[in-house]
Amino acid sequence: MKIILLSGGSGKRLWPLSNANRAKQYLSVLEGPHGGMESMLQRLWRQLDEADLQEHARISTCRQQVEMLQRQLGAKSPVIIEPEQRDTYPAVALASAYLYSIAGVSLSETVIVMPVDAYVDNEFFSCIRGLPKLVRESHSELLMLGTRPGYPSEQYGYIMPEACRHSEDEGMYEQAVKTFKEKPNEAEAESLIKAGALWNSGIYAFQLDFMINMLMNRNLPIHYEELYKQYYKMPRASFEDEVTQKTSSRSVIRYDGGWKDLGTWKTLSEEIAFEKLGIGEVSDDSEQSRLINELDIPISIVGLNNVIVAASPDGILVTSKDADTVLNAKLQAMNERPKYEERRWGHSRVIDTAVLASGLHSVTKRIFIAAGQNTSYQMHFKRREAWTVLSGEGILILDEMYRHIAPGDTITIPERARHGLRATINMDLIEVQTGEQIKDDDVIRLGITWDEITSQINMV
């Protein structure tokens, strides 16, 4: 058995906490087993470890999120890297090619695909353990995991089963799929539920050759390196649209235990144990309301029931818990550039953007680098940077020259200058970027780890 955890998506449904640079699965808003906070990714990864399934799992994520993932799970996390975000079908296809061509997994091996934002109880993993046997016994190429609907949601796909077969050993039912409906409106969803439909959990099981044969039939590479190079050719499509709906040989397994997709404020708020996180207060007469504040100014909720107030450098959201449908449509229409970003070495926040009288663009950031961590050794072609150290100490490498920097120091980084910074004491600094255009992809990384960077320089 191999488990592919899908953790490469972004999304705006949990704005303003989630953005293109900080996906919802990395938000530390769930209470951990010892009272600390953990993210959806950390929770599921911990549960896999407790169920002795972690060694079977690999995490599929896009290149932009690797640093954040490694910061939460460790540098040695088993990651399958996508060159860019292209939805769940390309992610599963690339991960399957990796298992086949890099990991050397047998074509008859059972592959289980699941999203990392699934909120499940520990019993759920007994179901996962039973899937390989069901896949071997099944006459279907694709098994889907369905759960009992709690209400007529427009956020899920719906699976309509036919007659069932029962596996006495595993206590789970395999049923042929009659129809599949992806995200119907509320009226359609209600009719489907009355007819016996299940929610699609986004969890699938199949033999590896199912996806490998699909790639070959579509004239796509089955080797990871080549598919990685041609990734841009793959459609931006979900697994449900591109595989589930186009596969006639499919069955559904009904799971009646605890399962929830934490992809909306409504579902997430149901699992948030705290009343407030951050500076502020929720008054005693505000029932079932939640405050999550990442700003350094206080926010108060007074006399409001069943509301969520979330604040970050990207904005402030005040919403009813039941406003999912309207809220999702409004958030998807937003196109704001993210102002907060978590990285392997710390985090950064945009505090000002401007177009100067000269016509040059300017972006000002406040940056935190944790002690013992370092930025990559990099260079930019279209911007220069000016740093002012506010607190902490570190070692700067600028064009192969070492320099100790401390509070009050200012550093100018010209265009095309090679530079990297390691904090010896937690560092805060202000970075001002200036250029004719300022883009996130204007960076060439020459080294990532400090040992890698210093070894390159020592060879010069």
Protein backbone atom coordinates (compact mmCIF):
# COMPACT_ATOMS: atom_id res chain seq x y z
CA MET A 1 0.00 0.00 0.00
CA LYS A 2 1.15 3.52 -0.89
CA ILE A 3 -0.63 6.64 0.30
CA ILE A 4 -0.46 9.91 -1.66
CA LEU A 5 -1.37 12.93 0.44
CA LEU A 6 -2.43 15.87 -1.70
CA SER A 7 -1.05 19.05 -0.15
CA GLY A 8 -0.25 21.30 -3.10
CA GLY A 9 -3.43 23.33 -3.46
CA SER A 10 -3.96 26.90 -2.36
CA GLY A 11 -7.36 28.52 -2.36
CA LYS A 12 -9.15 31.51 -0.94
CA ARG A 13 -11.97 29.87 1.00
CA LEU A 14 -10.20 30.54 4.31
CA TRP A 15 -9.18 34.09 3.42
CA PRO A 16 -7.69 36.17 4.95
CA LEU A 17 -5.61 33.50 6.72
CA SER A 18 -5.02 31.45 3.58
CA ASN A 19 -3.65 32.88 0.36
CA ALA A 20 -1.63 31.80 -2.68
CA ASN A 21 1.52 31.60 -0.54
CA ARG A 22 -0.02 30.05 2.59
CA ALA A 23 -2.56 27.35 1.82
CA LYS A 24 -5.23 26.37 4.33
CA GLN A 25 -3.59 23.05 5.22
CA TYR A 26 -0.66 24.92 6.82
CA LEU A 27 -2.74 27.10 9.16
CA SER A 28 -1.99 26.27 12.81
CA VAL A 29 -5.56 26.61 14.10
CA LEU A 30 -6.32 23.11 15.47
CA GLU A 31 -5.65 22.03 19.01
CA GLY A 32 -3.01 19.32 19.25
CA PRO A 33 -2.99 16.38 21.69
CA HIS A 34 -0.85 18.26 24.25
CA GLY A 35 -2.63 21.61 24.10
CA GLY A 36 -0.45 23.20 21.43
CA MET A 37 -1.63 24.32 18.01
CA GLU A 38 -1.18 22.27 14.86
CA SER A 39 -2.14 22.54 11.20
CA MET A 40 -4.35 20.18 9.19
CA LEU A 41 -1.21 18.74 7.61
CA GLN A 42 0.50 18.20 10.96
CA ARG A 43 -2.61 16.60 12.43
CA LEU A 44 -3.03 14.07 9.62
CA TRP A 45 0.71 13.31 9.54
CA ARG A 46 0.65 12.68 13.31
CA GLN A 47 -2.39 10.41 12.97
CA LEU A 48 -0.67 8.39 10.23
CA ASP A 49 2.29 7.94 12.56
CA GLU A 50 0.05 6.81 15.42
CA ALA A 51 -1.63 4.32 13.05
CA ASP A 52 1.77 2.99 11.85
CA LEU A 53 0.97 4.10 8.31
CA GLN A 54 3.36 7.03 7.96
CA GLU A 55 6.07 4.92 6.29
CA HIS A 56 3.63 4.15 3.45
CA ALA A 57 2.84 7.82 2.76
CA ARG A 58 4.32 10.46 0.50
CA ILE A 59 3.18 14.07 0.25
CA SER A 60 2.48 15.66 -3.12
CA THR A 61 2.98 19.41 -3.08
CA CYS A 62 3.94 22.17 -5.48
CA ARG A 63 7.45 23.60 -5.60
CA GLN A 64 6.34 26.87 -3.99
CA GLN A 65 5.11 25.10 -0.85
CA VAL A 66 8.03 22.75 -0.19
CA GLU A 67 9.72 25.10 2.28
CA MET A 68 6.54 25.60 4.32
CA LEU A 69 5.83 21.87 4.37
CA GLN A 70 9.36 21.05 5.51
CA ARG A 71 9.15 23.71 8.18
CA GLN A 72 6.11 21.96 9.66
CA LEU A 73 7.09 18.31 9.16
CA GLY A 74 10.88 18.43 8.91
CA ALA A 75 13.46 18.61 6.15
CA LYS A 76 13.36 14.85 5.54
CA SER A 77 9.64 14.67 4.83
CA PRO A 78 8.88 12.33 1.89
CA VAL A 79 7.82 14.88 -0.73
CA ILE A 80 6.80 14.47 -4.38
CA ILE A 81 7.29 17.88 -5.98
CA GLU A 82 5.06 19.42 -8.65
CA PRO A 83 6.62 22.24 -10.71
CA GLU A 84 3.43 24.31 -10.35
CA GLN A 85 -0.15 24.14 -9.11
CA ARG A 86 -2.43 22.48 -11.68
CA ASP A 87 -5.21 20.88 -9.58
CA THR A 88 -5.60 17.33 -8.32
CA TYR A 89 -5.59 15.28 -11.55
CA PRO A 90 -2.09 16.37 -12.63
CA ALA A 91 -0.88 15.98 -9.03
CA VAL A 92 -2.09 12.37 -8.80
CA ALA A 93 -0.72 11.59 -12.27
CA LEU A 94 2.73 12.98 -11.42
CA ALA A 95 2.79 11.20 -8.06
CA SER A 96 1.86 7.93 -9.78
CA ALA A 97 4.70 8.40 -12.26
CA TYR A 98 7.03 9.01 -9.32
CA LEU A 99 5.96 5.81 -7.57
CA TYR A 100 6.44 3.84 -10.78
CA SER A 101 9.69 5.27 -12.14
CA ILE A 102 11.53 6.60 -9.07
CA ALA A 103 10.29 4.56 -6.10
CA GLY A 104 10.06 1.34 -8.12
CA VAL A 105 6.58 0.45 -6.86
CA SER A 106 4.90 -2.58 -8.44
CA LEU A 107 2.10 -1.90 -10.91
CA SER A 108 -0.15 -4.17 -8.82
CA GLU A 109 0.40 -2.12 -5.65
CA THR A 110 -2.63 -0.39 -4.14
CA VAL A 111 -2.40 3.40 -4.20
CA ILE A 112 -4.61 5.46 -1.88
CA VAL A 113 -5.10 9.15 -2.61
CA MET A 114 -6.40 11.50 0.06
CA PRO A 115 -6.38 15.26 0.75
CA VAL A 116 -4.52 16.53 3.81
CA ASP A 117 -7.45 18.71 4.93
CA ALA A 118 -9.53 15.64 5.81
CA TYR A 119 -10.49 15.81 9.50
CA VAL A 120 -10.94 12.22 10.64
CA ASP A 121 -11.00 10.17 13.84
CA ASN A 122 -8.54 7.39 14.59
CA GLU A 123 -11.02 4.69 13.50
CA PHE A 124 -10.74 6.04 9.98
CA PHE A 125 -7.31 4.44 9.55
CA SER A 126 -8.75 0.97 10.07
CA CYS A 127 -10.78 1.72 6.94
CA ILE A 128 -7.59 2.75 5.11
CA ARG A 129 -5.92 -0.52 6.12
CA GLY A 130 -8.82 -2.47 4.61
CA LEU A 131 -8.72 -0.80 1.20
CA PRO A 132 -5.90 -2.88 -0.41
CA LYS A 133 -7.87 -6.10 0.14
CA LEU A 134 -11.01 -4.52 -1.31
CA VAL A 135 -9.05 -3.28 -4.34
CA ARG A 136 -7.70 -6.79 -4.98
CA GLU A 137 -11.18 -8.33 -4.67
CA SER A 138 -13.00 -5.62 -6.60
CA HIS A 139 -14.14 -5.88 -10.20
CA SER A 140 -13.75 -2.10 -10.47
CA GLU A 141 -10.61 -0.21 -11.40
CA LEU A 142 -11.37 2.71 -9.10
CA LEU A 143 -12.71 2.64 -5.55
CA MET A 144 -14.12 5.83 -4.03
CA LEU A 145 -14.74 6.49 -0.35
CA GLY A 146 -18.18 7.93 0.36
CA THR A 147 -19.50 9.32 3.64
CA ARG A 148 -22.97 9.99 4.98
CA PRO A 149 -24.06 13.57 4.13
CA GLY A 150 -24.76 15.83 7.09
CA TYR A 151 -26.65 18.48 5.11
CA PRO A 152 -27.24 19.49 1.44
CA SER A 153 -23.86 21.11 0.81
CA GLU A 154 -22.83 22.68 -2.49
CA GLN A 155 -19.14 22.15 -1.70
CA TYR A 156 -18.96 18.36 -2.21
CA GLY A 157 -19.39 15.83 -4.97
CA TYR A 158 -22.22 13.29 -4.56
CA ILE A 159 -22.00 9.56 -5.29
CA MET A 160 -25.19 7.64 -6.05
CA PRO A 161 -24.61 3.91 -5.34
CA GLU A 162 -26.37 0.91 -6.86
CA ALA A 163 -26.65 -2.58 -5.35
CA CYS A 164 -24.00 -3.50 -2.79
CA ARG A 165 -21.51 -6.26 -2.06
CA HIS A 166 -20.29 -6.75 1.51
CA SER A 167 -16.84 -7.62 2.81
CA GLU A 168 -17.41 -9.40 6.14
CA ASP A 169 -13.72 -9.28 7.07
CA GLU A 170 -13.41 -5.52 6.87
CA GLY A 171 -16.98 -4.57 7.72
CA MET A 172 -17.17 -2.25 4.71
CA TYR A 173 -19.55 -2.22 1.76
CA GLU A 174 -18.51 -1.96 -1.87
CA GLN A 175 -21.24 -0.63 -4.13
CA ALA A 176 -21.23 0.02 -7.85
CA VAL A 177 -21.60 3.70 -8.70
CA LYS A 178 -24.75 4.60 -10.57
CA THR A 179 -24.08 8.30 -11.01
CA PHE A 180 -21.66 10.92 -9.79
CA LYS A 181 -22.52 14.60 -9.45
CA GLU A 182 -19.81 17.17 -8.74
CA LYS A 183 -20.90 20.11 -6.52
CA PRO A 184 -24.63 20.42 -7.31
CA ASN A 185 -26.72 23.35 -6.13
CA GLU A 186 -28.53 23.05 -2.81
CA ALA A 187 -31.83 21.85 -4.28
CA GLU A 188 -30.08 19.14 -6.33
CA ALA A 189 -28.02 18.14 -3.31
CA GLU A 190 -31.13 17.74 -1.19
CA SER A 191 -32.74 15.49 -3.83
CA LEU A 192 -29.58 13.39 -4.09
CA ILE A 193 -29.43 12.91 -0.32
CA LYS A 194 -33.07 11.79 -0.22
CA ALA A 195 -32.26 9.27 -2.95
CA GLY A 196 -29.40 7.80 -0.89
CA ALA A 197 -26.36 9.61 -2.27
CA LEU A 198 -23.09 9.84 -0.36
CA TRP A 199 -20.61 12.67 -0.09
CA ASN A 200 -17.44 12.12 -2.06
CA SER A 201 -14.60 12.37 0.47
CA GLY A 202 -11.95 12.84 -2.23
CA ILE A 203 -10.30 9.59 -1.11
CA TYR A 204 -9.60 7.04 -3.85
CA ALA A 205 -7.96 3.63 -4.12
CA PHE A 206 -6.66 1.88 -7.23
CA GLN A 207 -3.82 -0.27 -8.46
CA LEU A 208 -0.88 1.73 -9.74
CA ASP A 209 -1.29 0.38 -13.27
CA PHE A 210 -4.70 2.13 -13.44
CA MET A 211 -3.03 5.57 -13.56
CA ILE A 212 0.02 4.43 -15.53
CA ASN A 213 -2.18 2.96 -18.27
CA MET A 214 -4.25 6.15 -18.29
CA LEU A 215 -1.13 8.23 -18.87
CA MET A 216 -0.02 5.97 -21.73
CA ASN A 217 -3.49 6.06 -23.31
CA ARG A 218 -3.31 9.85 -23.24
CA ASN A 219 0.19 9.89 -24.75
CA LEU A 220 1.71 11.34 -21.58
CA PRO A 221 5.07 10.30 -20.08
CA ILE A 222 5.04 7.64 -17.36
CA HIS A 223 8.46 8.61 -15.99
CA TYR A 224 8.52 11.30 -13.33
CA GLU A 225 11.33 13.44 -14.75
CA GLU A 226 9.79 13.61 -18.20
CA LEU A 227 6.25 14.24 -16.95
CA TYR A 228 7.68 16.95 -14.68
CA LYS A 229 9.14 18.68 -17.76
CA GLN A 230 5.84 18.38 -19.63
CA TYR A 231 3.65 19.24 -16.63
CA TYR A 232 2.53 22.47 -18.26
CA LYS A 233 0.77 20.39 -20.95
CA MET A 234 -1.55 18.74 -18.44
CA PRO A 235 -5.04 20.20 -18.03
CA ARG A 236 -5.88 22.23 -14.94
CA ALA A 237 -8.54 19.77 -13.91
CA SER A 238 -9.65 17.97 -10.78
CA PHE A 239 -9.30 14.22 -10.36
CA GLU A 240 -13.10 14.08 -10.15
CA ASP A 241 -13.59 15.76 -13.54
CA GLU A 242 -10.75 14.09 -15.40
CA VAL A 243 -10.79 10.57 -13.91
CA THR A 244 -13.82 9.80 -11.74
CA GLN A 245 -16.43 11.01 -14.21
CA LYS A 246 -14.66 9.41 -17.20
CA THR A 247 -14.17 6.00 -15.57
CA SER A 248 -17.06 3.56 -15.93
CA SER A 249 -15.40 0.84 -13.82
CA ARG A 250 -15.82 2.42 -10.40
CA SER A 251 -17.26 1.49 -7.02
CA VAL A 252 -17.84 3.26 -3.73
CA ILE A 253 -17.01 2.18 -0.19
CA ARG A 254 -19.32 3.64 2.44
CA TYR A 255 -17.60 4.97 5.56
CA ASP A 256 -19.91 5.88 8.45
CA GLY A 257 -17.28 7.11 10.88
CA GLY A 258 -16.17 10.66 11.58
CA TRP A 259 -15.04 12.58 8.50
CA LYS A 260 -15.07 16.24 7.62
CA ASP A 261 -13.51 18.46 4.97
CA LEU A 262 -12.11 21.54 6.73
CA GLY A 263 -12.11 23.57 3.54
CA THR A 264 -14.62 26.23 4.60
CA TRP A 265 -14.99 28.58 7.54
CA LYS A 266 -18.18 26.76 8.56
CA THR A 267 -16.58 23.33 8.84
CA LEU A 268 -13.33 24.65 10.31
CA SER A 269 -15.12 26.66 13.01
CA GLU A 270 -16.86 23.47 14.17
CA GLU A 271 -13.47 21.97 15.06
CA ILE A 272 -11.79 25.07 16.53
CA ALA A 273 -11.54 24.45 20.25
CA PHE A 274 -10.67 28.01 21.29
CA GLU A 275 -12.91 31.07 21.45
CA LYS A 276 -10.15 33.48 20.41
CA LEU A 277 -6.62 33.26 19.08
CA GLY A 278 -4.57 36.44 19.14
CA ILE A 279 -5.21 39.87 20.63
CA GLY A 280 -8.83 40.73 21.44
CA GLU A 281 -11.89 39.43 23.21
CA VAL A 282 -15.24 37.73 22.62
CA SER A 283 -17.95 39.02 24.95
CA ASP A 284 -19.97 36.65 27.11
CA ASP A 285 -23.13 37.46 25.16
CA SER A 286 -21.54 36.41 21.84
CA GLU A 287 -22.47 32.74 21.57
CA GLN A 288 -20.64 30.31 19.25
CA SER A 289 -18.47 33.10 17.83
CA ARG A 290 -14.76 32.76 17.03
CA LEU A 291 -11.94 35.31 16.74
CA ILE A 292 -8.64 34.59 14.97
CA ASN A 293 -6.41 37.66 14.96
CA GLU A 294 -2.90 37.69 13.47
CA LEU A 295 -2.59 41.49 13.66
CA ASP A 296 -0.96 43.43 16.50
CA ILE A 297 -4.11 45.48 17.17
CA PRO A 298 -6.96 44.26 19.41
CA ILE A 299 -10.28 43.15 17.92
CA SER A 300 -13.45 42.65 19.98
CA ILE A 301 -16.65 40.74 19.19
CA VAL A 302 -19.57 42.12 21.17
CA GLY A 303 -23.18 40.89 21.08
CA LEU A 304 -22.82 38.80 17.90
CA ASN A 305 -23.75 35.11 17.72
CA ASN A 306 -22.40 32.49 15.29
CA VAL A 307 -19.91 34.78 13.59
CA ILE A 308 -16.29 34.37 12.59
CA VAL A 309 -13.87 37.26 12.65
CA ALA A 310 -10.49 36.52 11.05
CA ALA A 311 -7.77 39.12 10.61
CA SER A 312 -4.35 38.92 8.97
CA PRO A 313 -2.07 41.27 7.00
CA ASP A 314 -4.16 40.33 3.94
CA GLY A 315 -7.41 41.73 5.39
CA ILE A 316 -10.22 41.34 7.91
CA LEU A 317 -13.20 39.04 7.44
CA VAL A 318 -16.44 39.28 9.43
CA THR A 319 -18.91 36.58 8.40
CA SER A 320 -21.77 34.44 9.59
CA LYS A 321 -20.84 30.77 9.88
CA ASP A 322 -23.70 29.91 7.52
CA ALA A 323 -22.61 32.21 4.68
CA ASP A 324 -20.46 29.60 2.91
CA THR A 325 -22.05 29.78 -0.55
CA VAL A 326 -22.14 33.57 -0.88
CA LEU A 327 -18.77 33.98 0.85
CA ASN A 328 -17.01 31.47 -1.39
CA ALA A 329 -18.23 33.22 -4.54
CA LYS A 330 -16.98 36.59 -3.28
CA LEU A 331 -13.60 35.24 -2.17
CA GLN A 332 -12.98 33.48 -5.49
CA ALA A 333 -13.51 36.79 -7.27
CA MET A 334 -10.77 38.48 -5.25
CA ASN A 335 -7.37 38.90 -6.87
CA GLU A 336 -5.29 40.58 -4.18
CA ARG A 337 -1.58 39.94 -3.95
CA PRO A 338 -0.80 38.03 -0.69
CA LYS A 339 0.89 40.17 1.95
CA TYR A 340 1.95 37.42 4.37
CA GLU A 341 4.19 34.45 3.61
CA GLU A 342 5.60 31.67 5.78
CA ARG A 343 8.92 30.23 4.72
CA ARG A 344 11.32 27.51 5.81
CA TRP A 345 13.44 30.11 7.62
CA GLY A 346 10.68 32.28 9.14
CA HIS A 347 8.08 34.63 7.67
CA SER A 348 7.64 37.95 5.86
CA ARG A 349 4.90 40.57 5.70
CA VAL A 350 4.36 43.29 3.10
CA ILE A 351 3.85 46.59 4.92
CA ASP A 352 3.86 49.00 1.97
CA THR A 353 3.74 49.08 -1.83
CA ALA A 354 4.20 52.21 -3.93
CA VAL A 355 5.07 53.63 -7.32
CA LEU A 356 7.76 56.27 -6.82
CA ALA A 357 7.94 59.64 -8.61
CA SER A 358 10.73 58.18 -10.74
CA GLY A 359 8.34 55.51 -12.01
CA LEU A 360 10.11 52.72 -10.12
CA HIS A 361 8.07 50.27 -8.07
CA SER A 362 8.74 49.79 -4.37
CA VAL A 363 7.75 46.97 -1.99
CA THR A 364 8.58 47.18 1.72
CA LYS A 365 8.58 44.01 3.84
CA ARG A 366 9.19 43.18 7.46
CA ILE A 367 11.10 39.91 7.64
CA PHE A 368 11.72 37.50 10.52
CA ILE A 369 14.48 34.87 10.35
CA ALA A 370 14.64 32.32 13.18
CA ALA A 371 17.94 31.67 14.91
CA GLY A 372 19.89 28.95 13.13
CA GLN A 373 17.92 29.37 9.91
CA ASN A 374 19.03 30.96 6.65
CA THR A 375 17.60 32.34 3.45
CA SER A 376 18.73 30.81 0.18
CA TYR A 377 21.83 32.11 -1.59
CA GLN A 378 20.17 34.01 -4.43
CA MET A 379 20.24 36.85 -6.90
CA HIS A 380 17.71 39.14 -8.62
CA PHE A 381 17.88 40.61 -12.11
CA LYS A 382 15.24 43.34 -11.96
CA ARG A 383 15.40 44.77 -8.46
CA ARG A 384 17.77 45.96 -5.80
CA GLU A 385 17.18 45.67 -2.07
CA ALA A 386 18.00 47.71 1.01
CA TRP A 387 17.97 46.05 4.42
CA THR A 388 17.81 47.64 7.87
CA VAL A 389 18.40 45.31 10.81
CA LEU A 390 15.94 45.98 13.65
CA SER A 391 16.94 43.23 16.07
CA GLY A 392 19.03 40.09 16.31
CA GLU A 393 22.32 39.18 14.70
CA GLY A 394 23.42 37.18 11.71
CA ILE A 395 25.98 36.41 9.05
CA LEU A 396 25.54 37.97 5.61
CA ILE A 397 27.21 36.59 2.51
CA LEU A 398 27.32 39.17 -0.28
CA ASP A 399 29.15 38.17 -3.47
CA GLU A 400 31.21 35.55 -1.61
CA MET A 401 32.18 38.00 1.18
CA TYR A 402 31.18 37.30 4.79
CA ARG A 403 29.95 40.03 7.13
CA HIS A 404 28.50 40.03 10.64
CA ILE A 405 25.40 42.24 10.90
CA ALA A 406 23.56 43.54 13.99
CA PRO A 407 20.82 46.04 14.95
CA GLY A 408 21.18 49.41 13.21
CA ASP A 409 23.15 48.03 10.25
CA THR A 410 21.99 48.88 6.74
CA ILE A 411 22.90 46.81 3.71
CA THR A 412 22.42 47.51 0.01
CA ILE A 413 21.95 44.53 -2.30
CA PRO A 414 22.50 45.62 -5.94
CA GLU A 415 20.88 43.90 -8.89
CA ARG A 416 22.58 40.59 -9.76
CA ALA A 417 24.44 40.54 -6.42
CA ARG A 418 24.62 37.07 -4.87
CA HIS A 419 23.42 37.15 -1.28
CA GLY A 420 22.21 35.04 1.61
CA LEU A 421 21.65 35.57 5.34
CA ARG A 422 21.84 33.27 8.35
CA ALA A 423 20.46 34.36 11.75
CA THR A 424 22.56 33.53 14.78
CA ILE A 425 20.00 35.26 17.02
CA ASN A 426 16.35 35.72 15.98
CA MET A 427 16.41 38.53 13.43
CA ASP A 428 13.89 41.19 12.42
CA LEU A 429 14.70 43.41 9.47
CA ILE A 430 13.05 45.78 7.05
CA GLU A 431 13.61 45.04 3.36
CA VAL A 432 12.83 47.63 0.68
CA GLN A 433 12.74 46.28 -2.88
CA THR A 434 13.03 48.78 -5.75
CA GLY A 435 12.88 48.15 -9.48
CA GLU A 436 11.10 48.81 -12.77
CA GLN A 437 9.03 45.72 -11.96
CA ILE A 438 8.95 43.53 -8.87
CA LYS A 439 7.87 39.93 -9.28
CA ASP A 440 8.14 36.90 -7.00
CA ASP A 441 9.72 34.82 -9.75
CA ASP A 442 12.64 37.26 -10.19
CA VAL A 443 14.99 35.05 -8.20
CA ILE A 444 17.76 32.61 -9.02
CA ARG A 445 18.57 30.34 -6.08
CA LEU A 446 22.20 29.22 -6.02
CA GLY A 447 22.06 27.28 -2.75
CA ILE A 448 19.54 26.36 -0.08
CA THR A 449 21.18 24.95 3.06
CA TRP A 450 23.95 26.89 4.81
CA ASP A 451 26.40 24.00 4.39
CA GLU A 452 25.63 23.92 0.67
CA ILE A 453 26.11 27.69 0.38
CA THR A 454 29.40 27.86 2.33
CA SER A 455 30.84 24.84 0.53
CA GLN A 456 30.24 26.55 -2.82
CA ILE A 457 31.97 29.72 -1.62
CA ASN A 458 34.93 27.85 -0.16
CA MET A 459 35.49 26.27 -3.56
CA VAL A 460 35.75 29.66 -5.26
